[in-house]
Amino acid sequence: MFNRSKAFTLVELLVVIGIIALLVAILLPALSKSREQAIRIQCASNIRQWGQAFAAYGNENKGSFPYNGPAIPIVCPVGGKGMSWTSSIVQDFYADYLLANHNLSAREKNNVLFCPSQTWHREAANDATLTGGLIGYFYMPHRIAGTPSNPMVYTPAGNGWVEKKKLAQDNRMAPIMSDMQQYNTGDKSWNRYSSHFKNNTPAGGNFLFEDGHVKWYDFDTIQLGSTEPGWECWYKVSLNW
């Protein structure tokens, strides 16, 4: 008598496949949430290092933030513009206190100048020569509105907090740096231009404050910060400053 080999029936195979599919459906959201939480933690760690560097710089420069205003001949050949293009002085600051991007391949790697979930500013077409000082966060001090090199319109106007130049003065409770939340009015999209996505819109962002602490804010608590032709940049959190 021949022994019949044991094998799965079609019904048993379908049951196993169904169980695997069910487990995947249960586990994937949890894994995705864990991954995003890990990214938020790494991003918060990066921005916290910026806070420590600002404090060290302030101690050596009479409490000042690194200058990020318009270009100054010889002293500051490249001026700051937008929210993430930084001046020669800020570039020297992060090269001395944080990390220099010596080449494009260094910029592509995860480093303290970029949130891990922010990739668009690392692309070779953006700041290809590395002279524009493009970073993956919003740097807020020394904002100057209405100049040809920086055509930003800040909302609400006149409160001065984005123009502050020194630590521990007016508006010291305001944030000084944040993850990128920006909208391109050309293609009507947040995609590629912002950090921390959820359902094709920013989930929120980490915000750095003068005392060095970092706090996450959901996107629905962030007010419009500034606009320029083609862009909206969201970085103003609802606080009493």
C-alpha atoms as a PDB file:
ATOM      1  CA  MET A   1       0.000   0.000   0.000  1.00  0.00           C
ATOM      2  CA  PHE A   2       1.321   3.446  -0.945  1.00  0.00           C
ATOM      3  CA  ASN A   3       1.482   6.206   1.726  1.00  0.00           C
ATOM      4  CA  ARG A   4      -0.374   9.297   0.624  1.00  0.00           C
ATOM      5  CA  SER A   5       1.749  12.472   1.110  1.00  0.00           C
ATOM      6  CA  LYS A   6       0.239  15.082   3.373  1.00  0.00           C
ATOM      7  CA  ALA A   7      -0.502  18.468   1.808  1.00  0.00           C
ATOM      8  CA  PHE A   8      -2.622  21.549   2.397  1.00  0.00           C
ATOM      9  CA  THR A   9      -6.000  21.562   0.799  1.00  0.00           C
ATOM     10  CA  LEU A  10      -7.061  24.649  -1.109  1.00  0.00           C
ATOM     11  CA  VAL A  11      -9.392  25.634   1.710  1.00  0.00           C
ATOM     12  CA  GLU A  12      -6.632  25.311   4.310  1.00  0.00           C
ATOM     13  CA  LEU A  13      -4.273  27.385   2.160  1.00  0.00           C
ATOM     14  CA  LEU A  14      -6.848  30.129   1.771  1.00  0.00           C
ATOM     15  CA  VAL A  15      -7.442  30.143   5.533  1.00  0.00           C
ATOM     16  CA  VAL A  16      -3.690  30.552   6.184  1.00  0.00           C
ATOM     17  CA  ILE A  17      -3.466  33.350   3.606  1.00  0.00           C
ATOM     18  CA  GLY A  18      -6.464  35.067   5.193  1.00  0.00           C
ATOM     19  CA  ILE A  19      -4.907  34.850   8.670  1.00  0.00           C
ATOM     20  CA  ILE A  20      -1.608  36.308   7.373  1.00  0.00           C
ATOM     21  CA  ALA A  21      -3.466  39.133   5.618  1.00  0.00           C
ATOM     22  CA  LEU A  22      -5.387  39.891   8.804  1.00  0.00           C
ATOM     23  CA  LEU A  23      -2.190  40.001  10.868  1.00  0.00           C
ATOM     24  CA  VAL A  24      -0.544  42.304   8.326  1.00  0.00           C
ATOM     25  CA  ALA A  25      -3.566  44.624   8.396  1.00  0.00           C
ATOM     26  CA  ILE A  26      -3.371  44.752  12.198  1.00  0.00           C
ATOM     27  CA  LEU A  27       0.397  45.201  12.464  1.00  0.00           C
ATOM     28  CA  LEU A  28       1.127  47.652   9.616  1.00  0.00           C
ATOM     29  CA  PRO A  29      -0.554  50.693  11.212  1.00  0.00           C
ATOM     30  CA  ALA A  30       1.290  50.012  14.469  1.00  0.00           C
ATOM     31  CA  LEU A  31       4.616  49.659  12.642  1.00  0.00           C
ATOM     32  CA  SER A  32       3.966  52.833  10.659  1.00  0.00           C
ATOM     33  CA  LYS A  33       3.107  54.718  13.840  1.00  0.00           C
ATOM     34  CA  SER A  34       6.254  53.436  15.558  1.00  0.00           C
ATOM     35  CA  ARG A  35       8.379  54.473  12.592  1.00  0.00           C
ATOM     36  CA  GLU A  36       6.908  57.984  12.543  1.00  0.00           C
ATOM     37  CA  GLN A  37       7.413  58.278  16.299  1.00  0.00           C
ATOM     38  CA  ALA A  38      11.069  57.312  15.868  1.00  0.00           C
ATOM     39  CA  ILE A  39      11.458  59.968  13.156  1.00  0.00           C
ATOM     40  CA  ARG A  40       9.872  62.606  15.403  1.00  0.00           C
ATOM     41  CA  ILE A  41      12.262  61.707  18.218  1.00  0.00           C
ATOM     42  CA  GLN A  42      15.305  61.877  15.924  1.00  0.00           C
ATOM     43  CA  CYS A  43      14.097  65.174  14.467  1.00  0.00           C
ATOM     44  CA  ALA A  44      13.534  66.598  17.970  1.00  0.00           C
ATOM     45  CA  SER A  45      17.053  65.492  18.916  1.00  0.00           C
ATOM     46  CA  ASN A  46      18.468  67.311  15.874  1.00  0.00           C
ATOM     47  CA  ILE A  47      16.652  70.544  16.603  1.00  0.00           C
ATOM     48  CA  ARG A  48      17.590  70.342  20.294  1.00  0.00           C
ATOM     49  CA  GLN A  49      21.251  70.286  19.220  1.00  0.00           C
ATOM     50  CA  TRP A  50      20.604  73.519  17.345  1.00  0.00           C
ATOM     51  CA  GLY A  51      19.324  74.987  20.611  1.00  0.00           C
ATOM     52  CA  GLN A  52      22.511  74.013  22.422  1.00  0.00           C
ATOM     53  CA  ALA A  53      24.568  75.529  19.603  1.00  0.00           C
ATOM     54  CA  PHE A  54      22.571  78.801  19.753  1.00  0.00           C
ATOM     55  CA  ALA A  55      23.226  78.997  23.491  1.00  0.00           C
ATOM     56  CA  ALA A  56      26.958  78.408  23.000  1.00  0.00           C
ATOM     57  CA  TYR A  57      27.089  80.986  20.204  1.00  0.00           C
ATOM     58  CA  GLY A  58      25.194  83.497  22.345  1.00  0.00           C
ATOM     59  CA  ASN A  59      27.646  83.046  25.209  1.00  0.00           C
ATOM     60  CA  GLU A  60      30.484  83.971  22.885  1.00  0.00           C
ATOM     61  CA  ASN A  61      28.683  86.779  21.029  1.00  0.00           C
ATOM     62  CA  LYS A  62      26.973  88.954  23.655  1.00  0.00           C
ATOM     63  CA  GLY A  63      23.743  86.979  23.590  1.00  0.00           C
ATOM     64  CA  SER A  64      23.164  87.331  19.848  1.00  0.00           C
ATOM     65  CA  PHE A  65      21.686  84.900  17.370  1.00  0.00           C
ATOM     66  CA  PRO A  66      23.723  84.285  14.196  1.00  0.00           C
ATOM     67  CA  TYR A  67      22.970  87.121  11.781  1.00  0.00           C
ATOM     68  CA  ASN A  68      20.601  86.109   8.992  1.00  0.00           C
ATOM     69  CA  GLY A  69      19.650  89.430   7.434  1.00  0.00           C
ATOM     70  CA  PRO A  70      20.515  90.901   4.020  1.00  0.00           C
ATOM     71  CA  ALA A  71      23.987  90.473   2.554  1.00  0.00           C
ATOM     72  CA  ILE A  72      26.701  92.807   3.833  1.00  0.00           C
ATOM     73  CA  PRO A  73      29.749  93.359   1.592  1.00  0.00           C
ATOM     74  CA  ILE A  74      32.797  91.399   2.777  1.00  0.00           C
ATOM     75  CA  VAL A  75      31.254  90.662   6.207  1.00  0.00           C
ATOM     76  CA  CYS A  76      28.330  88.550   4.945  1.00  0.00           C
ATOM     77  CA  PRO A  77      28.440  87.893   1.180  1.00  0.00           C
ATOM     78  CA  VAL A  78      25.277  85.740   1.200  1.00  0.00           C
ATOM     79  CA  GLY A  79      22.173  87.027   2.962  1.00  0.00           C
ATOM     80  CA  GLY A  80      19.381  84.964   4.458  1.00  0.00           C
ATOM     81  CA  LYS A  81      16.144  84.646   2.537  1.00  0.00           C
ATOM     82  CA  GLY A  82      12.892  82.736   2.694  1.00  0.00           C
ATOM     83  CA  MET A  83      12.728  80.564   5.796  1.00  0.00           C
ATOM     84  CA  SER A  84      15.460  78.001   5.114  1.00  0.00           C
ATOM     85  CA  TRP A  85      18.109  79.797   3.025  1.00  0.00           C
ATOM     86  CA  THR A  86      20.712  81.005   5.483  1.00  0.00           C
ATOM     87  CA  SER A  87      23.360  83.715   5.408  1.00  0.00           C
ATOM     88  CA  SER A  88      27.113  83.245   5.228  1.00  0.00           C
ATOM     89  CA  ILE A  89      27.255  83.908   8.972  1.00  0.00           C
ATOM     90  CA  VAL A  90      24.679  81.218   9.780  1.00  0.00           C
ATOM     91  CA  GLN A  91      26.549  78.837   7.477  1.00  0.00           C
ATOM     92  CA  ASP A  92      29.757  79.520   9.407  1.00  0.00           C
ATOM     93  CA  PHE A  93      27.796  79.051  12.635  1.00  0.00           C
ATOM     94  CA  TYR A  94      26.536  75.585  11.851  1.00  0.00           C
ATOM     95  CA  ALA A  95      29.867  74.538  10.346  1.00  0.00           C
ATOM     96  CA  ASP A  96      31.625  75.547  13.587  1.00  0.00           C
ATOM     97  CA  TYR A  97      28.975  74.444  16.121  1.00  0.00           C
ATOM     98  CA  LEU A  98      27.046  71.665  14.393  1.00  0.00           C
ATOM     99  CA  LEU A  99      28.027  70.124  11.080  1.00  0.00           C
ATOM    100  CA  ALA A 100      29.225  71.324   7.708  1.00  0.00           C
ATOM    101  CA  ASN A 101      27.803  69.991   4.443  1.00  0.00           C
ATOM    102  CA  HIS A 102      31.045  69.619   2.543  1.00  0.00           C
ATOM    103  CA  ASN A 103      29.375  68.138  -0.543  1.00  0.00           C
ATOM    104  CA  LEU A 104      26.025  67.048  -1.927  1.00  0.00           C
ATOM    105  CA  SER A 105      26.467  63.440  -0.791  1.00  0.00           C
ATOM    106  CA  ALA A 106      26.911  64.676   2.787  1.00  0.00           C
ATOM    107  CA  ARG A 107      23.696  66.669   2.485  1.00  0.00           C
ATOM    108  CA  GLU A 108      21.785  63.586   1.311  1.00  0.00           C
ATOM    109  CA  LYS A 109      22.602  61.710   4.517  1.00  0.00           C
ATOM    110  CA  ASN A 110      20.651  62.058   7.736  1.00  0.00           C
ATOM    111  CA  ASN A 111      22.376  64.773   9.703  1.00  0.00           C
ATOM    112  CA  VAL A 112      21.542  67.511  12.161  1.00  0.00           C
ATOM    113  CA  LEU A 113      20.815  70.071   9.437  1.00  0.00           C
ATOM    114  CA  PHE A 114      17.728  68.191   8.216  1.00  0.00           C
ATOM    115  CA  CYS A 115      14.770  66.419   9.757  1.00  0.00           C
ATOM    116  CA  PRO A 116      14.918  62.742   8.680  1.00  0.00           C
ATOM    117  CA  SER A 117      11.505  63.113   6.996  1.00  0.00           C
ATOM    118  CA  GLN A 118      12.550  66.248   5.048  1.00  0.00           C
ATOM    119  CA  THR A 119      14.071  65.297   1.697  1.00  0.00           C
ATOM    120  CA  TRP A 120      13.183  68.023  -0.798  1.00  0.00           C
ATOM    121  CA  HIS A 121      15.853  70.510   0.337  1.00  0.00           C
ATOM    122  CA  ARG A 122      18.511  67.833  -0.031  1.00  0.00           C
ATOM    123  CA  GLU A 123      17.877  67.320  -3.739  1.00  0.00           C
ATOM    124  CA  ALA A 124      20.818  68.275  -5.943  1.00  0.00           C
ATOM    125  CA  ALA A 125      18.797  70.878  -7.855  1.00  0.00           C
ATOM    126  CA  ASN A 126      18.299  72.878  -4.660  1.00  0.00           C
ATOM    127  CA  ASP A 127      21.427  74.818  -3.623  1.00  0.00           C
ATOM    128  CA  ALA A 128      23.658  72.693  -5.835  1.00  0.00           C
ATOM    129  CA  THR A 129      26.785  74.714  -4.975  1.00  0.00           C
ATOM    130  CA  LEU A 130      26.054  74.643  -1.206  1.00  0.00           C
ATOM    131  CA  THR A 131      26.594  78.410  -1.071  1.00  0.00           C
ATOM    132  CA  GLY A 132      22.959  79.305  -0.389  1.00  0.00           C
ATOM    133  CA  GLY A 133      23.014  77.681   3.031  1.00  0.00           C
ATOM    134  CA  LEU A 134      19.821  75.691   2.450  1.00  0.00           C
ATOM    135  CA  ILE A 135      18.778  73.707   5.528  1.00  0.00           C
ATOM    136  CA  GLY A 136      15.849  71.432   6.333  1.00  0.00           C
ATOM    137  CA  TYR A 137      14.352  73.554   9.131  1.00  0.00           C
ATOM    138  CA  PHE A 138      12.861  77.014   9.485  1.00  0.00           C
ATOM    139  CA  TYR A 139      15.335  79.404  11.134  1.00  0.00           C
ATOM    140  CA  MET A 140      13.346  82.342  12.522  1.00  0.00           C
ATOM    141  CA  PRO A 141      15.565  85.030  14.154  1.00  0.00           C
ATOM    142  CA  HIS A 142      16.720  87.997  12.057  1.00  0.00           C
ATOM    143  CA  ARG A 143      13.736  87.815   9.733  1.00  0.00           C
ATOM    144  CA  ILE A 144      13.476  91.008   7.704  1.00  0.00           C
ATOM    145  CA  ALA A 145      10.299  91.472   5.682  1.00  0.00           C
ATOM    146  CA  GLY A 146       9.771  93.266   2.409  1.00  0.00           C
ATOM    147  CA  THR A 147      13.279  93.366   0.937  1.00  0.00           C
ATOM    148  CA  PRO A 148      14.029  92.337  -2.653  1.00  0.00           C
ATOM    149  CA  SER A 149      16.249  89.513  -1.414  1.00  0.00           C
ATOM    150  CA  ASN A 150      13.658  88.325   1.088  1.00  0.00           C
ATOM    151  CA  PRO A 151      10.114  89.108  -0.109  1.00  0.00           C
ATOM    152  CA  MET A 152       8.438  87.482   2.893  1.00  0.00           C
ATOM    153  CA  VAL A 153       5.203  88.835   4.314  1.00  0.00           C
ATOM    154  CA  TYR A 154       4.834  87.908   7.975  1.00  0.00           C
ATOM    155  CA  THR A 155       1.450  87.392   9.626  1.00  0.00           C
ATOM    156  CA  PRO A 156       0.516  88.984  11.932  1.00  0.00           C
ATOM    157  CA  ALA A 157       2.758  91.923  11.077  1.00  0.00           C
ATOM    158  CA  GLY A 158       4.380  94.247  13.553  1.00  0.00           C
ATOM    159  CA  ASN A 159       4.900  91.966  16.535  1.00  0.00           C
ATOM    160  CA  GLY A 160       8.659  91.878  15.987  1.00  0.00           C
ATOM    161  CA  TRP A 161       9.227  88.340  17.191  1.00  0.00           C
ATOM    162  CA  VAL A 162      10.662  87.161  13.902  1.00  0.00           C
ATOM    163  CA  GLU A 163      13.059  90.100  13.865  1.00  0.00           C
ATOM    164  CA  LYS A 164      14.586  89.466  17.284  1.00  0.00           C
ATOM    165  CA  LYS A 165      18.352  89.453  17.296  1.00  0.00           C
ATOM    166  CA  LYS A 166      19.258  88.461  20.862  1.00  0.00           C
ATOM    167  CA  LEU A 167      18.365  85.802  23.381  1.00  0.00           C
ATOM    168  CA  ALA A 168      16.347  86.633  26.508  1.00  0.00           C
ATOM    169  CA  GLN A 169      14.818  89.865  25.241  1.00  0.00           C
ATOM    170  CA  ASP A 170      11.366  90.721  23.878  1.00  0.00           C
ATOM    171  CA  ASN A 171       9.319  87.765  22.633  1.00  0.00           C
ATOM    172  CA  ARG A 172      11.644  85.340  24.390  1.00  0.00           C
ATOM    173  CA  MET A 173       8.771  82.839  24.683  1.00  0.00           C
ATOM    174  CA  ALA A 174       8.435  82.634  20.895  1.00  0.00           C
ATOM    175  CA  PRO A 175       9.921  79.695  18.963  1.00  0.00           C
ATOM    176  CA  ILE A 176      13.240  80.198  17.216  1.00  0.00           C
ATOM    177  CA  MET A 177      13.259  77.169  14.931  1.00  0.00           C
ATOM    178  CA  SER A 178      10.844  74.544  13.654  1.00  0.00           C
ATOM    179  CA  ASP A 179      10.263  71.711  11.229  1.00  0.00           C
ATOM    180  CA  MET A 180       9.259  72.757   7.747  1.00  0.00           C
ATOM    181  CA  GLN A 181       5.544  73.159   7.028  1.00  0.00           C
ATOM    182  CA  GLN A 182       5.222  74.770   3.634  1.00  0.00           C
ATOM    183  CA  TYR A 183       2.709  74.810   0.819  1.00  0.00           C
ATOM    184  CA  ASN A 184       3.482  75.348  -2.854  1.00  0.00           C
ATOM    185  CA  THR A 185       0.668  77.364  -4.397  1.00  0.00           C
ATOM    186  CA  GLY A 186       1.951  76.444  -7.859  1.00  0.00           C
ATOM    187  CA  ASP A 187       1.142  72.745  -7.677  1.00  0.00           C
ATOM    188  CA  LYS A 188      -1.236  73.229  -4.712  1.00  0.00           C
ATOM    189  CA  SER A 189       0.539  70.667  -2.603  1.00  0.00           C
ATOM    190  CA  TRP A 190       2.279  70.124   0.728  1.00  0.00           C
ATOM    191  CA  ASN A 191       3.967  66.996  -0.644  1.00  0.00           C
ATOM    192  CA  ARG A 192       7.758  67.001  -0.852  1.00  0.00           C
ATOM    193  CA  TYR A 193       7.986  70.454   0.736  1.00  0.00           C
ATOM    194  CA  SER A 194       7.102  69.673   4.358  1.00  0.00           C
ATOM    195  CA  SER A 195       8.042  67.306   7.169  1.00  0.00           C
ATOM    196  CA  HIS A 196       5.949  64.681   8.999  1.00  0.00           C
ATOM    197  CA  PHE A 197       3.043  63.809   6.734  1.00  0.00           C
ATOM    198  CA  LYS A 198      -0.361  62.389   7.568  1.00  0.00           C
ATOM    199  CA  ASN A 199      -3.005  61.955   4.851  1.00  0.00           C
ATOM    200  CA  ASN A 200      -1.098  64.205   2.418  1.00  0.00           C
ATOM    201  CA  THR A 201      -0.878  67.128   4.837  1.00  0.00           C
ATOM    202  CA  PRO A 202       1.674  67.901   7.557  1.00  0.00           C
ATOM    203  CA  ALA A 203       0.884  66.129  10.826  1.00  0.00           C
ATOM    204  CA  GLY A 204       2.629  68.879  12.777  1.00  0.00           C
ATOM    205  CA  GLY A 205       6.142  69.768  13.773  1.00  0.00           C
ATOM    206  CA  ASN A 206       8.797  70.108  16.435  1.00  0.00           C
ATOM    207  CA  PHE A 207       9.389  73.639  17.715  1.00  0.00           C
ATOM    208  CA  LEU A 208      12.569  74.850  19.424  1.00  0.00           C
ATOM    209  CA  PHE A 209      12.424  77.563  22.097  1.00  0.00           C
ATOM    210  CA  GLU A 210      15.082  79.835  23.556  1.00  0.00           C
ATOM    211  CA  ASP A 211      15.467  77.840  26.750  1.00  0.00           C
ATOM    212  CA  GLY A 212      16.400  74.796  24.675  1.00  0.00           C
ATOM    213  CA  HIS A 213      13.244  72.750  25.068  1.00  0.00           C
ATOM    214  CA  VAL A 214      11.548  71.212  22.046  1.00  0.00           C
ATOM    215  CA  LYS A 215       7.814  70.626  21.813  1.00  0.00           C
ATOM    216  CA  TRP A 216       5.632  68.944  19.210  1.00  0.00           C
ATOM    217  CA  TYR A 217       2.546  70.793  17.960  1.00  0.00           C
ATOM    218  CA  ASP A 218      -0.160  69.212  15.828  1.00  0.00           C
ATOM    219  CA  PHE A 219      -0.719  71.020  12.566  1.00  0.00           C
ATOM    220  CA  ASP A 220      -4.171  72.278  13.497  1.00  0.00           C
ATOM    221  CA  THR A 221      -2.599  74.377  16.287  1.00  0.00           C
ATOM    222  CA  ILE A 222      -0.126  76.102  13.940  1.00  0.00           C
ATOM    223  CA  GLN A 223      -1.129  79.443  12.436  1.00  0.00           C
ATOM    224  CA  LEU A 224       0.087  80.897   9.152  1.00  0.00           C
ATOM    225  CA  GLY A 225       3.557  82.325   9.638  1.00  0.00           C
ATOM    226  CA  SER A 226       4.542  83.967   6.358  1.00  0.00           C
ATOM    227  CA  THR A 227       3.996  84.061   2.620  1.00  0.00           C
ATOM    228  CA  GLU A 228       5.979  84.919  -0.452  1.00  0.00           C
ATOM    229  CA  PRO A 229       5.080  84.578  -4.136  1.00  0.00           C
ATOM    230  CA  GLY A 230       4.219  80.924  -4.691  1.00  0.00           C
ATOM    231  CA  TRP A 231       4.670  79.774  -1.095  1.00  0.00           C
ATOM    232  CA  GLU A 232       3.010  79.685   2.298  1.00  0.00           C
ATOM    233  CA  CYS A 233       5.162  78.825   5.321  1.00  0.00           C
ATOM    234  CA  TRP A 234       3.397  77.720   8.504  1.00  0.00           C
ATOM    235  CA  TYR A 235       5.396  78.013  11.714  1.00  0.00           C
ATOM    236  CA  LYS A 236       3.572  80.285  14.193  1.00  0.00           C
ATOM    237  CA  VAL A 237       2.185  78.331  17.140  1.00  0.00           C
ATOM    238  CA  SER A 238      -0.661  79.631  19.307  1.00  0.00           C
ATOM    239  CA  LEU A 239       1.161  81.052  22.312  1.00  0.00           C
ATOM    240  CA  ASN A 240       1.089  84.225  24.370  1.00  0.00           C
ATOM    241  CA  TRP A 241       4.487  85.774  23.879  1.00  0.00           C
END
